[in-house]
Amino acid sequence: HVQLVESGGGSVQAGGSLRLSCTASGISSYFMGWFRQAPGKEREGVATIHSAGHYTRYADSVLGRFTISRDNAKNTVYLQMNSLKSEDTALYYCATLNGAYWGQGTQVTVS
């Protein structure tokens, strides 16, 4: 069983940065992703990464501002978020791309 734990959320002013982390043992073989859900909106994919970190993909809305990475030795996936905008405000989740495992979410608020 994989238990994903996100951290690093918080409140920041527009233009600021945050780095989210997602940690769990046993995730090195999984493709991973970050997703977000804003109040009243559907959950959307933000970024995904290959199991060994070779390939990444981003939603158009975050391309050039967010960077997904991973350190399999530390069982951790990261989401570096720069140039944050108010529309980035949401609950951010990490998950395995097969949908089997999801974290509890970490709140990001941009004002």
Protein backbone atom coordinates (compact mmCIF):
# COMPACT_ATOMS: atom_id res chain seq x y z
CA HIS A 1 0.00 0.00 0.00
CA VAL A 2 1.31 3.45 -0.96
CA GLN A 3 0.47 6.35 1.35
CA LEU A 4 1.20 9.70 -0.26
CA VAL A 5 1.83 12.70 1.97
CA GLU A 6 1.96 16.20 0.51
CA SER A 7 3.53 19.22 2.17
CA GLY A 8 4.71 22.70 1.32
CA GLY A 9 1.44 24.48 0.69
CA GLY A 10 0.64 27.84 2.17
CA SER A 11 -0.34 31.41 1.47
CA VAL A 12 1.74 33.60 -0.80
CA GLN A 13 1.39 36.86 -2.67
CA ALA A 14 1.01 36.91 -6.41
CA GLY A 15 4.38 36.59 -8.08
CA GLY A 16 5.76 34.49 -5.25
CA SER A 17 6.96 30.89 -5.17
CA LEU A 18 6.23 27.69 -3.31
CA ARG A 19 7.62 24.18 -3.51
CA LEU A 20 5.32 21.26 -2.87
CA SER A 21 6.63 17.86 -1.85
CA CYS A 22 4.98 14.45 -2.05
CA THR A 23 6.61 11.63 -0.14
CA ALA A 24 5.84 7.92 0.04
CA SER A 25 7.82 4.73 0.09
CA GLY A 26 7.52 2.58 -2.99
CA ILE A 27 6.75 5.26 -5.57
CA SER A 28 9.98 5.00 -7.58
CA SER A 29 8.37 2.70 -10.14
CA TYR A 30 5.29 4.87 -10.66
CA PHE A 31 4.57 7.63 -13.09
CA MET A 32 3.45 10.46 -10.82
CA GLY A 33 1.39 13.59 -11.19
CA TRP A 34 0.26 16.73 -9.44
CA PHE A 35 -3.37 17.73 -9.68
CA ARG A 36 -5.38 20.60 -8.26
CA GLN A 37 -8.96 21.47 -7.50
CA ALA A 38 -10.23 24.98 -6.91
CA PRO A 39 -13.56 25.64 -5.18
CA GLY A 40 -16.44 25.05 -7.56
CA LYS A 41 -14.20 23.63 -10.26
CA GLU A 42 -13.29 20.17 -11.44
CA ARG A 43 -9.99 18.60 -10.57
CA GLU A 44 -7.36 19.24 -13.24
CA GLY A 45 -3.98 17.80 -14.03
CA VAL A 46 -1.06 20.16 -13.47
CA ALA A 47 2.08 18.18 -14.26
CA THR A 48 3.23 14.60 -14.70
CA ILE A 49 6.60 12.86 -14.57
CA HIS A 50 8.01 9.56 -15.77
CA SER A 51 9.00 7.03 -13.12
CA ALA A 52 12.71 7.76 -13.65
CA GLY A 53 12.14 11.45 -14.28
CA HIS A 54 13.00 11.27 -17.97
CA TYR A 55 9.85 12.94 -19.27
CA THR A 56 7.55 15.62 -17.94
CA ARG A 57 4.33 17.22 -19.15
CA TYR A 58 2.50 20.33 -18.02
CA ALA A 59 -0.89 21.93 -18.31
CA ASP A 60 -0.82 24.97 -20.57
CA SER A 61 -1.85 27.16 -17.65
CA VAL A 62 1.36 26.42 -15.71
CA LEU A 63 3.86 25.84 -18.51
CA GLY A 64 6.97 27.89 -17.93
CA ARG A 65 6.07 28.64 -14.32
CA PHE A 66 5.89 25.21 -12.63
CA THR A 67 8.49 22.45 -12.63
CA ILE A 68 7.87 18.86 -11.60
CA SER A 69 10.83 16.75 -10.48
CA ARG A 70 11.55 13.71 -8.38
CA ASP A 71 14.23 12.20 -6.21
CA ASN A 72 13.61 8.47 -6.07
CA ALA A 73 16.36 8.00 -3.49
CA LYS A 74 14.24 10.16 -1.18
CA ASN A 75 10.89 8.73 -2.37
CA THR A 76 9.79 12.28 -3.12
CA VAL A 77 8.16 14.14 -5.99
CA TYR A 78 8.32 17.93 -6.08
CA LEU A 79 6.38 20.73 -7.70
CA GLN A 80 8.25 24.01 -7.85
CA MET A 81 5.76 26.81 -8.45
CA ASN A 82 7.03 30.23 -9.50
CA SER A 83 5.28 33.41 -10.61
CA LEU A 84 2.16 32.32 -8.80
CA LYS A 85 -1.16 33.85 -9.78
CA SER A 86 -4.45 34.11 -7.94
CA GLU A 87 -5.90 31.54 -10.31
CA ASP A 88 -3.39 29.00 -9.00
CA THR A 89 -5.27 28.97 -5.69
CA ALA A 90 -6.45 25.40 -5.13
CA LEU A 91 -6.03 22.22 -3.15
CA TYR A 92 -3.07 20.42 -4.69
CA TYR A 93 -2.83 16.63 -4.74
CA CYS A 94 -0.15 14.23 -5.81
CA ALA A 95 -1.12 10.86 -7.19
CA THR A 96 0.16 7.86 -9.07
CA LEU A 97 -0.91 8.21 -12.68
CA ASN A 98 -2.71 4.90 -12.63
CA GLY A 99 -5.10 6.54 -10.19
CA ALA A 100 -4.56 3.96 -7.52
CA TYR A 101 -3.10 6.23 -4.87
CA TRP A 102 -3.83 9.84 -3.92
CA GLY A 103 -2.55 12.11 -1.19
CA GLN A 104 -4.76 14.12 1.12
CA GLY A 105 -3.93 17.43 -0.55
CA THR A 106 -2.15 20.61 0.48
CA GLN A 107 -3.74 24.04 0.16
CA VAL A 108 -2.13 26.76 -1.93
CA THR A 109 -3.59 30.26 -1.63
CA VAL A 110 -2.32 33.13 -3.78
CA SER A 111 -3.52 36.63 -3.00
